[in-house]
């Protein structure tokens, strides 16, 4: 006897779902936002630069209902305003994608403490604080069979010590390892509230953050992947839709690499000044 619950539309449709994607105006956040929209969700995107956020929401509007909520999630006042605006617009939040992040590259001897603090604040502290503050809206969406979802964007660079790009990303790699562990901790805390928490650990995908690396090191980066290439937008959107849909309802506390096998095949290069 066939099981209608295995229907592809049932497994991956996000019709009627509400999502918030931080850092949604470009790069991986934009890819994920488009995927969630095309799966049927209503998507709010947040970004620090207001005009860029509004422009991206307008572009993404061709795929579904996309609303700009500009704000800096690393700033407590801005984060509070973002949460208040979302709560005023929506009685619940089905999907939270914590994607906003930053990086800093410098040589070991001169790596500034202020940069380390900034990267940790944006990539880790703000992720925790926003998830905590939006937990009531997530709980309002959660059911035993269809939990609310938190998806944290980590990195393959939090799984191993990367050197192929020749950059001293000391704070970034440390922050992403922390994101992975925070994901597990939040999964334990929020599971009883019917909220799943998972992390995606992307490899190299085209974005403003990776443009300068691709210019100088693309051949080495592609050679480091078991598949011999960098990632595509559809591959980032696909994993996010899986984790957000019924297909991913029993996955929690996972850190999922989407890196073409790079994190188990990394080569070594001398780290140089950026």
C-alpha atoms as a PDB file:
ATOM      1  CA  UNK A   1       0.000   0.000   0.000  1.00  0.00           C
ATOM      2  CA  UNK A   2       1.398   3.412  -0.949  1.00  0.00           C
ATOM      3  CA  UNK A   3       2.041   6.036   1.710  1.00  0.00           C
ATOM      4  CA  UNK A   4       0.788   9.486   0.717  1.00  0.00           C
ATOM      5  CA  UNK A   5       3.066  11.074   3.313  1.00  0.00           C
ATOM      6  CA  UNK A   6       6.006  10.229   1.037  1.00  0.00           C
ATOM      7  CA  UNK A   7       4.642  12.449  -1.731  1.00  0.00           C
ATOM      8  CA  UNK A   8       7.378  14.862  -2.816  1.00  0.00           C
ATOM      9  CA  UNK A   9       5.147  17.899  -2.424  1.00  0.00           C
ATOM     10  CA  UNK A  10       4.291  16.823   1.119  1.00  0.00           C
ATOM     11  CA  UNK A  11       7.946  16.285   1.992  1.00  0.00           C
ATOM     12  CA  UNK A  12       9.337  19.549   0.662  1.00  0.00           C
ATOM     13  CA  UNK A  13       6.492  22.067   0.374  1.00  0.00           C
ATOM     14  CA  UNK A  14       6.724  25.104   2.628  1.00  0.00           C
ATOM     15  CA  UNK A  15       3.309  26.490   1.728  1.00  0.00           C
ATOM     16  CA  UNK A  16       1.933  28.617   4.543  1.00  0.00           C
ATOM     17  CA  UNK A  17       5.269  28.776   6.390  1.00  0.00           C
ATOM     18  CA  UNK A  18       6.862  31.999   7.617  1.00  0.00           C
ATOM     19  CA  UNK A  19      10.647  32.365   7.566  1.00  0.00           C
ATOM     20  CA  UNK A  20      13.229  34.937   8.621  1.00  0.00           C
ATOM     21  CA  UNK A  21      16.659  34.873   6.981  1.00  0.00           C
ATOM     22  CA  UNK A  22      19.314  37.140   8.455  1.00  0.00           C
ATOM     23  CA  UNK A  23      21.965  38.367   6.059  1.00  0.00           C
ATOM     24  CA  UNK A  24      19.444  37.595   3.348  1.00  0.00           C
ATOM     25  CA  UNK A  25      20.372  40.348   0.913  1.00  0.00           C
ATOM     26  CA  UNK A  26      23.302  38.545  -0.730  1.00  0.00           C
ATOM     27  CA  UNK A  27      25.407  35.410  -0.945  1.00  0.00           C
ATOM     28  CA  UNK A  28      24.274  32.286   0.868  1.00  0.00           C
ATOM     29  CA  UNK A  29      21.443  34.141   2.587  1.00  0.00           C
ATOM     30  CA  UNK A  30      20.042  35.204  -0.778  1.00  0.00           C
ATOM     31  CA  UNK A  31      20.329  31.637  -2.130  1.00  0.00           C
ATOM     32  CA  UNK A  32      18.453  30.234   0.856  1.00  0.00           C
ATOM     33  CA  UNK A  33      15.805  32.954   0.714  1.00  0.00           C
ATOM     34  CA  UNK A  34      15.094  32.183  -2.932  1.00  0.00           C
ATOM     35  CA  UNK A  35      14.832  28.471  -2.188  1.00  0.00           C
ATOM     36  CA  UNK A  36      12.403  28.982   0.694  1.00  0.00           C
ATOM     37  CA  UNK A  37      10.294  31.328  -1.430  1.00  0.00           C
ATOM     38  CA  UNK A  38      10.119  28.904  -4.331  1.00  0.00           C
ATOM     39  CA  UNK A  39       9.077  26.161  -1.903  1.00  0.00           C
ATOM     40  CA  UNK A  40       6.115  28.339  -0.883  1.00  0.00           C
ATOM     41  CA  UNK A  41       7.201  30.183   2.276  1.00  0.00           C
ATOM     42  CA  UNK A  42       6.684  33.849   3.032  1.00  0.00           C
ATOM     43  CA  UNK A  43      10.181  35.132   3.712  1.00  0.00           C
ATOM     44  CA  UNK A  44      11.415  38.110   5.696  1.00  0.00           C
ATOM     45  CA  UNK A  45      15.011  39.046   5.041  1.00  0.00           C
ATOM     46  CA  UNK A  46      17.199  41.130   7.294  1.00  0.00           C
ATOM     47  CA  UNK A  47      20.464  42.892   6.484  1.00  0.00           C
ATOM     48  CA  UNK A  48      22.482  45.680   8.036  1.00  0.00           C
ATOM     49  CA  UNK A  49      22.339  47.937   4.950  1.00  0.00           C
ATOM     50  CA  UNK A  50      18.745  49.082   4.575  1.00  0.00           C
ATOM     51  CA  UNK A  51      18.757  49.882   0.862  1.00  0.00           C
ATOM     52  CA  UNK A  52      20.501  46.633  -0.054  1.00  0.00           C
ATOM     53  CA  UNK A  53      17.934  44.749   2.010  1.00  0.00           C
ATOM     54  CA  UNK A  54      15.025  46.483   0.281  1.00  0.00           C
ATOM     55  CA  UNK A  55      16.555  45.970  -3.170  1.00  0.00           C
ATOM     56  CA  UNK A  56      17.108  42.268  -2.527  1.00  0.00           C
ATOM     57  CA  UNK A  57      13.535  41.821  -1.252  1.00  0.00           C
ATOM     58  CA  UNK A  58      12.252  43.465  -4.423  1.00  0.00           C
ATOM     59  CA  UNK A  59      14.342  41.110  -6.575  1.00  0.00           C
ATOM     60  CA  UNK A  60      13.303  38.061  -4.581  1.00  0.00           C
ATOM     61  CA  UNK A  61       9.671  39.093  -4.902  1.00  0.00           C
ATOM     62  CA  UNK A  62       9.535  37.395  -8.295  1.00  0.00           C
ATOM     63  CA  UNK A  63       9.690  34.052  -6.462  1.00  0.00           C
ATOM     64  CA  UNK A  64       7.125  34.743  -3.755  1.00  0.00           C
ATOM     65  CA  UNK A  65       6.256  37.116  -0.935  1.00  0.00           C
ATOM     66  CA  UNK A  66       9.480  38.619   0.405  1.00  0.00           C
ATOM     67  CA  UNK A  67       9.598  41.413   2.973  1.00  0.00           C
ATOM     68  CA  UNK A  68      12.615  43.515   3.950  1.00  0.00           C
ATOM     69  CA  UNK A  69      13.320  44.026   7.660  1.00  0.00           C
ATOM     70  CA  UNK A  70      16.600  45.962   7.731  1.00  0.00           C
ATOM     71  CA  UNK A  71      18.593  45.734  10.932  1.00  0.00           C
ATOM     72  CA  UNK A  72      21.892  44.876  12.551  1.00  0.00           C
ATOM     73  CA  UNK A  73      21.418  41.692  14.571  1.00  0.00           C
ATOM     74  CA  UNK A  74      24.674  42.286  16.435  1.00  0.00           C
ATOM     75  CA  UNK A  75      23.320  45.542  17.908  1.00  0.00           C
ATOM     76  CA  UNK A  76      20.894  44.912  20.822  1.00  0.00           C
ATOM     77  CA  UNK A  77      18.630  47.876  20.051  1.00  0.00           C
ATOM     78  CA  UNK A  78      18.435  47.065  16.346  1.00  0.00           C
ATOM     79  CA  UNK A  79      17.831  43.400  17.117  1.00  0.00           C
ATOM     80  CA  UNK A  80      15.015  44.271  19.525  1.00  0.00           C
ATOM     81  CA  UNK A  81      13.382  46.472  16.890  1.00  0.00           C
ATOM     82  CA  UNK A  82      13.655  43.674  14.329  1.00  0.00           C
ATOM     83  CA  UNK A  83      11.960  41.212  16.681  1.00  0.00           C
ATOM     84  CA  UNK A  84       9.196  43.694  17.490  1.00  0.00           C
ATOM     85  CA  UNK A  85       8.525  44.394  13.812  1.00  0.00           C
ATOM     86  CA  UNK A  86       8.335  40.689  13.016  1.00  0.00           C
ATOM     87  CA  UNK A  87       6.049  39.979  15.979  1.00  0.00           C
ATOM     88  CA  UNK A  88       3.757  42.823  14.906  1.00  0.00           C
ATOM     89  CA  UNK A  89       3.484  41.341  11.419  1.00  0.00           C
ATOM     90  CA  UNK A  90       3.320  37.616  12.228  1.00  0.00           C
ATOM     91  CA  UNK A  91       1.800  35.603  15.093  1.00  0.00           C
ATOM     92  CA  UNK A  92       4.367  32.851  14.599  1.00  0.00           C
ATOM     93  CA  UNK A  93       7.705  32.030  12.980  1.00  0.00           C
ATOM     94  CA  UNK A  94       8.163  28.608  11.398  1.00  0.00           C
ATOM     95  CA  UNK A  95      11.768  28.956  10.202  1.00  0.00           C
ATOM     96  CA  UNK A  96      14.664  31.049  11.468  1.00  0.00           C
ATOM     97  CA  UNK A  97      17.832  31.034   9.364  1.00  0.00           C
ATOM     98  CA  UNK A  98      20.749  32.571  11.264  1.00  0.00           C
ATOM     99  CA  UNK A  99      23.014  33.479   8.366  1.00  0.00           C
ATOM    100  CA  UNK A 100      24.331  36.977   9.175  1.00  0.00           C
ATOM    101  CA  UNK A 101      28.070  36.870   9.664  1.00  0.00           C
ATOM    102  CA  UNK A 102      31.404  38.527   9.089  1.00  0.00           C
ATOM    103  CA  UNK A 103      35.047  37.571   8.622  1.00  0.00           C
ATOM    104  CA  UNK A 104      38.483  39.082   9.133  1.00  0.00           C
ATOM    105  CA  UNK A 105      41.777  37.973   7.652  1.00  0.00           C
ATOM    106  CA  UNK A 106      45.204  39.078   8.856  1.00  0.00           C
ATOM    107  CA  UNK A 107      48.583  37.599   9.629  1.00  0.00           C
ATOM    108  CA  UNK A 108      49.155  36.006  13.028  1.00  0.00           C
ATOM    109  CA  UNK A 109      51.475  38.636  14.496  1.00  0.00           C
ATOM    110  CA  UNK A 110      49.206  41.581  13.775  1.00  0.00           C
ATOM    111  CA  UNK A 111      45.725  40.033  14.077  1.00  0.00           C
ATOM    112  CA  UNK A 112      43.786  42.631  16.122  1.00  0.00           C
ATOM    113  CA  UNK A 113      41.896  41.662  19.256  1.00  0.00           C
ATOM    114  CA  UNK A 114      39.134  44.078  18.297  1.00  0.00           C
ATOM    115  CA  UNK A 115      38.580  42.127  15.075  1.00  0.00           C
ATOM    116  CA  UNK A 116      38.427  38.852  16.998  1.00  0.00           C
ATOM    117  CA  UNK A 117      35.816  40.345  19.331  1.00  0.00           C
ATOM    118  CA  UNK A 118      33.753  41.687  16.425  1.00  0.00           C
ATOM    119  CA  UNK A 119      33.692  38.381  14.549  1.00  0.00           C
ATOM    120  CA  UNK A 120      32.648  36.457  17.661  1.00  0.00           C
ATOM    121  CA  UNK A 121      29.960  39.027  18.489  1.00  0.00           C
ATOM    122  CA  UNK A 122      28.410  38.962  15.020  1.00  0.00           C
ATOM    123  CA  UNK A 123      28.811  35.264  14.244  1.00  0.00           C
ATOM    124  CA  UNK A 124      28.066  33.705  17.636  1.00  0.00           C
ATOM    125  CA  UNK A 125      26.676  36.073  20.271  1.00  0.00           C
ATOM    126  CA  UNK A 126      24.124  37.659  17.950  1.00  0.00           C
ATOM    127  CA  UNK A 127      23.010  34.223  16.719  1.00  0.00           C
ATOM    128  CA  UNK A 128      22.326  33.094  20.269  1.00  0.00           C
ATOM    129  CA  UNK A 129      20.575  36.319  21.252  1.00  0.00           C
ATOM    130  CA  UNK A 130      18.305  36.441  18.201  1.00  0.00           C
ATOM    131  CA  UNK A 131      17.297  32.795  18.594  1.00  0.00           C
ATOM    132  CA  UNK A 132      16.553  33.380  22.282  1.00  0.00           C
ATOM    133  CA  UNK A 133      14.488  36.479  21.546  1.00  0.00           C
ATOM    134  CA  UNK A 134      12.476  34.798  18.777  1.00  0.00           C
ATOM    135  CA  UNK A 135      11.836  31.564  20.677  1.00  0.00           C
ATOM    136  CA  UNK A 136       8.269  32.604  21.654  1.00  0.00           C
ATOM    137  CA  UNK A 137       7.363  33.085  17.980  1.00  0.00           C
ATOM    138  CA  UNK A 138       8.995  29.763  17.099  1.00  0.00           C
ATOM    139  CA  UNK A 139       7.072  28.011  19.889  1.00  0.00           C
ATOM    140  CA  UNK A 140       3.850  29.485  18.526  1.00  0.00           C
ATOM    141  CA  UNK A 141       4.488  27.707  15.214  1.00  0.00           C
ATOM    142  CA  UNK A 142       5.658  24.371  16.628  1.00  0.00           C
ATOM    143  CA  UNK A 143       3.641  21.160  16.731  1.00  0.00           C
ATOM    144  CA  UNK A 144       4.661  17.616  17.700  1.00  0.00           C
ATOM    145  CA  UNK A 145       4.589  16.428  14.085  1.00  0.00           C
ATOM    146  CA  UNK A 146       5.885  19.610  12.476  1.00  0.00           C
ATOM    147  CA  UNK A 147       8.368  21.411  14.737  1.00  0.00           C
ATOM    148  CA  UNK A 148       9.607  24.933  14.172  1.00  0.00           C
ATOM    149  CA  UNK A 149      13.094  25.102  12.665  1.00  0.00           C
ATOM    150  CA  UNK A 150      16.278  26.982  13.442  1.00  0.00           C
ATOM    151  CA  UNK A 151      19.011  26.706  10.809  1.00  0.00           C
ATOM    152  CA  UNK A 152      22.401  28.132  11.716  1.00  0.00           C
ATOM    153  CA  UNK A 153      24.963  28.805   9.019  1.00  0.00           C
ATOM    154  CA  UNK A 154      28.326  27.509  10.156  1.00  0.00           C
ATOM    155  CA  UNK A 155      31.172  26.663   7.806  1.00  0.00           C
ATOM    156  CA  UNK A 156      33.436  23.850   6.725  1.00  0.00           C
ATOM    157  CA  UNK A 157      36.111  26.131   8.182  1.00  0.00           C
ATOM    158  CA  UNK A 158      34.704  25.274  11.596  1.00  0.00           C
ATOM    159  CA  UNK A 159      35.318  21.582  10.856  1.00  0.00           C
ATOM    160  CA  UNK A 160      38.999  21.769   9.947  1.00  0.00           C
ATOM    161  CA  UNK A 161      41.809  24.296   9.780  1.00  0.00           C
ATOM    162  CA  UNK A 162      41.750  25.620   6.210  1.00  0.00           C
ATOM    163  CA  UNK A 163      44.875  27.018   4.611  1.00  0.00           C
ATOM    164  CA  UNK A 164      44.325  26.515   0.886  1.00  0.00           C
ATOM    165  CA  UNK A 165      43.255  30.158   0.499  1.00  0.00           C
ATOM    166  CA  UNK A 166      46.420  31.393   2.214  1.00  0.00           C
ATOM    167  CA  UNK A 167      44.552  33.582   4.706  1.00  0.00           C
ATOM    168  CA  UNK A 168      44.752  33.850   8.486  1.00  0.00           C
ATOM    169  CA  UNK A 169      41.060  33.464   9.368  1.00  0.00           C
ATOM    170  CA  UNK A 170      41.709  32.809  13.049  1.00  0.00           C
ATOM    171  CA  UNK A 171      38.562  34.469  14.381  1.00  0.00           C
ATOM    172  CA  UNK A 172      36.269  33.228  11.601  1.00  0.00           C
ATOM    173  CA  UNK A 173      37.198  29.560  11.921  1.00  0.00           C
ATOM    174  CA  UNK A 174      36.915  29.734  15.705  1.00  0.00           C
ATOM    175  CA  UNK A 175      33.523  31.426  15.500  1.00  0.00           C
ATOM    176  CA  UNK A 176      32.165  28.817  13.104  1.00  0.00           C
ATOM    177  CA  UNK A 177      33.323  25.959  15.325  1.00  0.00           C
ATOM    178  CA  UNK A 178      31.454  27.748  18.115  1.00  0.00           C
ATOM    179  CA  UNK A 179      28.355  27.990  15.903  1.00  0.00           C
ATOM    180  CA  UNK A 180      28.407  24.229  15.443  1.00  0.00           C
ATOM    181  CA  UNK A 181      28.625  23.591  19.176  1.00  0.00           C
ATOM    182  CA  UNK A 182      26.016  26.254  19.940  1.00  0.00           C
ATOM    183  CA  UNK A 183      23.733  24.484  17.465  1.00  0.00           C
ATOM    184  CA  UNK A 184      23.987  21.248  19.452  1.00  0.00           C
ATOM    185  CA  UNK A 185      23.442  23.077  22.731  1.00  0.00           C
ATOM    186  CA  UNK A 186      20.339  24.861  21.399  1.00  0.00           C
ATOM    187  CA  UNK A 187      19.006  21.600  19.977  1.00  0.00           C
ATOM    188  CA  UNK A 188      19.095  20.134  23.484  1.00  0.00           C
ATOM    189  CA  UNK A 189      17.473  23.222  24.996  1.00  0.00           C
ATOM    190  CA  UNK A 190      14.751  23.700  22.395  1.00  0.00           C
ATOM    191  CA  UNK A 191      13.875  20.115  21.519  1.00  0.00           C
ATOM    192  CA  UNK A 192      11.404  19.900  24.391  1.00  0.00           C
ATOM    193  CA  UNK A 193       9.777  23.012  22.978  1.00  0.00           C
ATOM    194  CA  UNK A 194       9.296  21.268  19.620  1.00  0.00           C
ATOM    195  CA  UNK A 195      11.942  23.308  17.837  1.00  0.00           C
ATOM    196  CA  UNK A 196      14.706  21.636  15.841  1.00  0.00           C
ATOM    197  CA  UNK A 197      18.108  23.265  15.544  1.00  0.00           C
ATOM    198  CA  UNK A 198      20.616  22.309  12.860  1.00  0.00           C
ATOM    199  CA  UNK A 199      23.653  23.839  11.210  1.00  0.00           C
ATOM    200  CA  UNK A 200      24.759  23.907   7.600  1.00  0.00           C
ATOM    201  CA  UNK A 201      28.539  23.974   7.107  1.00  0.00           C
ATOM    202  CA  UNK A 202      29.028  25.394   3.595  1.00  0.00           C
ATOM    203  CA  UNK A 203      32.188  25.101   1.586  1.00  0.00           C
ATOM    204  CA  UNK A 204      33.069  27.684  -1.029  1.00  0.00           C
ATOM    205  CA  UNK A 205      30.070  29.287  -2.727  1.00  0.00           C
ATOM    206  CA  UNK A 206      30.099  32.423  -4.899  1.00  0.00           C
ATOM    207  CA  UNK A 207      29.536  35.475  -2.690  1.00  0.00           C
ATOM    208  CA  UNK A 208      31.002  38.871  -1.966  1.00  0.00           C
ATOM    209  CA  UNK A 209      32.929  37.323   0.922  1.00  0.00           C
ATOM    210  CA  UNK A 210      34.652  34.829  -1.376  1.00  0.00           C
ATOM    211  CA  UNK A 211      35.118  36.982  -4.482  1.00  0.00           C
ATOM    212  CA  UNK A 212      38.663  38.058  -3.642  1.00  0.00           C
ATOM    213  CA  UNK A 213      39.652  34.505  -2.713  1.00  0.00           C
ATOM    214  CA  UNK A 214      38.285  33.132  -5.977  1.00  0.00           C
ATOM    215  CA  UNK A 215      40.254  35.717  -7.922  1.00  0.00           C
ATOM    216  CA  UNK A 216      43.560  34.452  -6.555  1.00  0.00           C
ATOM    217  CA  UNK A 217      42.994  30.871  -5.442  1.00  0.00           C
ATOM    218  CA  UNK A 218      40.103  29.400  -7.417  1.00  0.00           C
ATOM    219  CA  UNK A 219      42.180  26.632  -8.990  1.00  0.00           C
ATOM    220  CA  UNK A 220      43.468  25.445  -5.608  1.00  0.00           C
ATOM    221  CA  UNK A 221      40.004  25.725  -4.048  1.00  0.00           C
ATOM    222  CA  UNK A 222      38.392  23.652  -6.796  1.00  0.00           C
ATOM    223  CA  UNK A 223      41.218  21.127  -6.597  1.00  0.00           C
ATOM    224  CA  UNK A 224      40.584  20.758  -2.874  1.00  0.00           C
ATOM    225  CA  UNK A 225      36.991  19.637  -3.461  1.00  0.00           C
ATOM    226  CA  UNK A 226      36.385  15.950  -4.089  1.00  0.00           C
ATOM    227  CA  UNK A 227      34.026  17.106  -6.840  1.00  0.00           C
ATOM    228  CA  UNK A 228      36.526  19.536  -8.353  1.00  0.00           C
ATOM    229  CA  UNK A 229      34.326  22.634  -8.157  1.00  0.00           C
ATOM    230  CA  UNK A 230      32.705  25.195  -5.874  1.00  0.00           C
ATOM    231  CA  UNK A 231      29.085  25.080  -4.763  1.00  0.00           C
ATOM    232  CA  UNK A 232      25.985  26.177  -6.673  1.00  0.00           C
ATOM    233  CA  UNK A 233      23.010  28.182  -5.400  1.00  0.00           C
ATOM    234  CA  UNK A 234      20.637  25.251  -5.896  1.00  0.00           C
ATOM    235  CA  UNK A 235      22.736  23.108  -3.571  1.00  0.00           C
ATOM    236  CA  UNK A 236      22.541  25.614  -0.730  1.00  0.00           C
ATOM    237  CA  UNK A 237      18.840  26.239  -1.291  1.00  0.00           C
ATOM    238  CA  UNK A 238      18.189  22.500  -1.409  1.00  0.00           C
ATOM    239  CA  UNK A 239      19.644  21.671   1.990  1.00  0.00           C
ATOM    240  CA  UNK A 240      17.763  24.585   3.571  1.00  0.00           C
ATOM    241  CA  UNK A 241      14.460  23.448   2.053  1.00  0.00           C
ATOM    242  CA  UNK A 242      15.109  19.891   3.296  1.00  0.00           C
ATOM    243  CA  UNK A 243      15.745  21.062   6.857  1.00  0.00           C
ATOM    244  CA  UNK A 244      12.688  23.343   6.729  1.00  0.00           C
ATOM    245  CA  UNK A 245      10.221  20.831   5.291  1.00  0.00           C
ATOM    246  CA  UNK A 246       8.559  17.676   6.553  1.00  0.00           C
ATOM    247  CA  UNK A 247      11.445  15.633   5.176  1.00  0.00           C
ATOM    248  CA  UNK A 248      13.712  17.195   7.794  1.00  0.00           C
ATOM    249  CA  UNK A 249      11.302  17.186  10.734  1.00  0.00           C
ATOM    250  CA  UNK A 250      13.228  14.475  12.633  1.00  0.00           C
ATOM    251  CA  UNK A 251      16.683  15.950  12.074  1.00  0.00           C
ATOM    252  CA  UNK A 252      18.025  17.992  14.966  1.00  0.00           C
ATOM    253  CA  UNK A 253      21.428  18.764  16.428  1.00  0.00           C
ATOM    254  CA  UNK A 254      23.135  17.976  13.113  1.00  0.00           C
ATOM    255  CA  UNK A 255      25.997  19.846  11.469  1.00  0.00           C
ATOM    256  CA  UNK A 256      25.731  19.106   7.758  1.00  0.00           C
ATOM    257  CA  UNK A 257      28.719  19.859   5.495  1.00  0.00           C
ATOM    258  CA  UNK A 258      27.806  21.096   2.012  1.00  0.00           C
ATOM    259  CA  UNK A 259      31.323  21.426   0.687  1.00  0.00           C
ATOM    260  CA  UNK A 260      31.923  18.842  -2.015  1.00  0.00           C
ATOM    261  CA  UNK A 261      33.979  16.825   0.455  1.00  0.00           C
ATOM    262  CA  UNK A 262      36.511  19.606   0.995  1.00  0.00           C
ATOM    263  CA  UNK A 263      36.532  19.287   4.774  1.00  0.00           C
ATOM    264  CA  UNK A 264      37.840  15.718   4.542  1.00  0.00           C
ATOM    265  CA  UNK A 265      40.257  16.422   1.692  1.00  0.00           C
ATOM    266  CA  UNK A 266      41.916  19.698   2.629  1.00  0.00           C
ATOM    267  CA  UNK A 267      45.381  20.501   1.404  1.00  0.00           C
ATOM    268  CA  UNK A 268      47.816  22.845   3.090  1.00  0.00           C
ATOM    269  CA  UNK A 269      49.315  26.105   1.916  1.00  0.00           C
ATOM    270  CA  UNK A 270      51.393  28.755   3.628  1.00  0.00           C
ATOM    271  CA  UNK A 271      49.211  31.391   5.278  1.00  0.00           C
ATOM    272  CA  UNK A 272      50.129  34.846   4.023  1.00  0.00           C
ATOM    273  CA  UNK A 273      49.065  38.427   4.625  1.00  0.00           C
ATOM    274  CA  UNK A 274      45.678  39.411   3.159  1.00  0.00           C
END
